[in-house]
């Protein structure tokens, strides 16, 4: 994915740094799009999909299939 703004580059830099510090963690980026993506091994989910599947009494689980 080609980023176009300094802000986008900064966000990806932070996400990748987090993954380096916590390799056991499953990183997820929420965005306002409509489709699931996997970019640089980070799952990108539409906010609406994430929030609709959020259950207060259950841990967050991600289906890594895009």
Protein backbone atom coordinates (compact mmCIF):
# COMPACT_ATOMS: atom_id res chain seq x y z
CA UNK A 1 0.00 0.00 0.00
CA UNK A 2 1.36 3.36 -0.97
CA UNK A 3 0.75 5.97 1.72
CA UNK A 4 0.38 9.55 0.62
CA UNK A 5 0.50 11.75 3.68
CA UNK A 6 2.98 12.15 6.53
CA UNK A 7 0.17 11.29 8.97
CA UNK A 8 -0.49 7.94 7.22
CA UNK A 9 3.22 7.13 7.19
CA UNK A 10 3.41 7.94 10.90
CA UNK A 11 0.46 5.64 11.70
CA UNK A 12 2.05 2.71 9.82
CA UNK A 13 5.39 3.37 11.48
CA UNK A 14 3.71 3.18 14.91
CA UNK A 15 1.83 -0.01 14.04
CA UNK A 16 4.94 -1.73 12.74
CA UNK A 17 6.94 -0.64 15.81
CA UNK A 18 4.23 -2.08 18.07
CA UNK A 19 4.39 -5.41 16.18
CA UNK A 20 8.18 -5.47 16.63
CA UNK A 21 7.90 -4.83 20.38
CA UNK A 22 5.03 -7.29 20.87
CA UNK A 23 5.35 -10.03 18.21
CA UNK A 24 2.80 -12.20 20.03
CA UNK A 25 0.15 -9.47 19.71
CA UNK A 26 -2.36 -9.39 16.91
CA UNK A 27 -2.41 -5.85 15.54
CA UNK A 28 -5.54 -4.46 13.97
CA UNK A 29 -6.15 -1.13 12.30
CA UNK A 30 -9.70 0.22 12.17
CA UNK A 31 -10.64 2.37 9.22
CA UNK A 32 -13.73 3.86 7.58
CA UNK A 33 -13.64 1.70 4.47
CA UNK A 34 -15.91 -1.21 3.59
CA UNK A 35 -13.57 -4.15 2.98
CA UNK A 36 -11.17 -6.20 5.08
CA UNK A 37 -7.54 -5.78 4.14
CA UNK A 38 -4.25 -7.21 5.30
CA UNK A 39 -1.39 -4.78 4.82
CA UNK A 40 2.15 -5.47 6.02
CA UNK A 41 0.73 -8.41 8.00
CA UNK A 42 -1.68 -6.10 9.88
CA UNK A 43 -5.39 -6.76 9.67
CA UNK A 44 -7.33 -3.65 8.60
CA UNK A 45 -11.01 -3.80 9.50
CA UNK A 46 -13.88 -1.48 8.74
CA UNK A 47 -14.94 0.31 11.95
CA UNK A 48 -18.57 -0.64 11.43
CA UNK A 49 -17.78 -4.37 11.17
CA UNK A 50 -15.54 -4.25 14.24
CA UNK A 51 -18.10 -2.39 16.37
CA UNK A 52 -21.02 -4.58 15.26
CA UNK A 53 -19.12 -7.70 16.38
CA UNK A 54 -17.88 -6.24 19.67
CA UNK A 55 -19.38 -8.07 22.67
CA UNK A 56 -18.74 -6.65 26.16
CA UNK A 57 -18.68 -10.07 27.82
CA UNK A 58 -16.28 -11.74 25.36
CA UNK A 59 -12.63 -11.21 24.44
CA UNK A 60 -11.91 -9.62 21.09
CA UNK A 61 -11.10 -12.24 18.47
CA UNK A 62 -10.10 -11.56 14.89
CA UNK A 63 -10.74 -13.80 11.94
CA UNK A 64 -7.52 -13.33 9.98
CA UNK A 65 -9.12 -14.30 6.70
CA UNK A 66 -9.57 -11.30 4.44
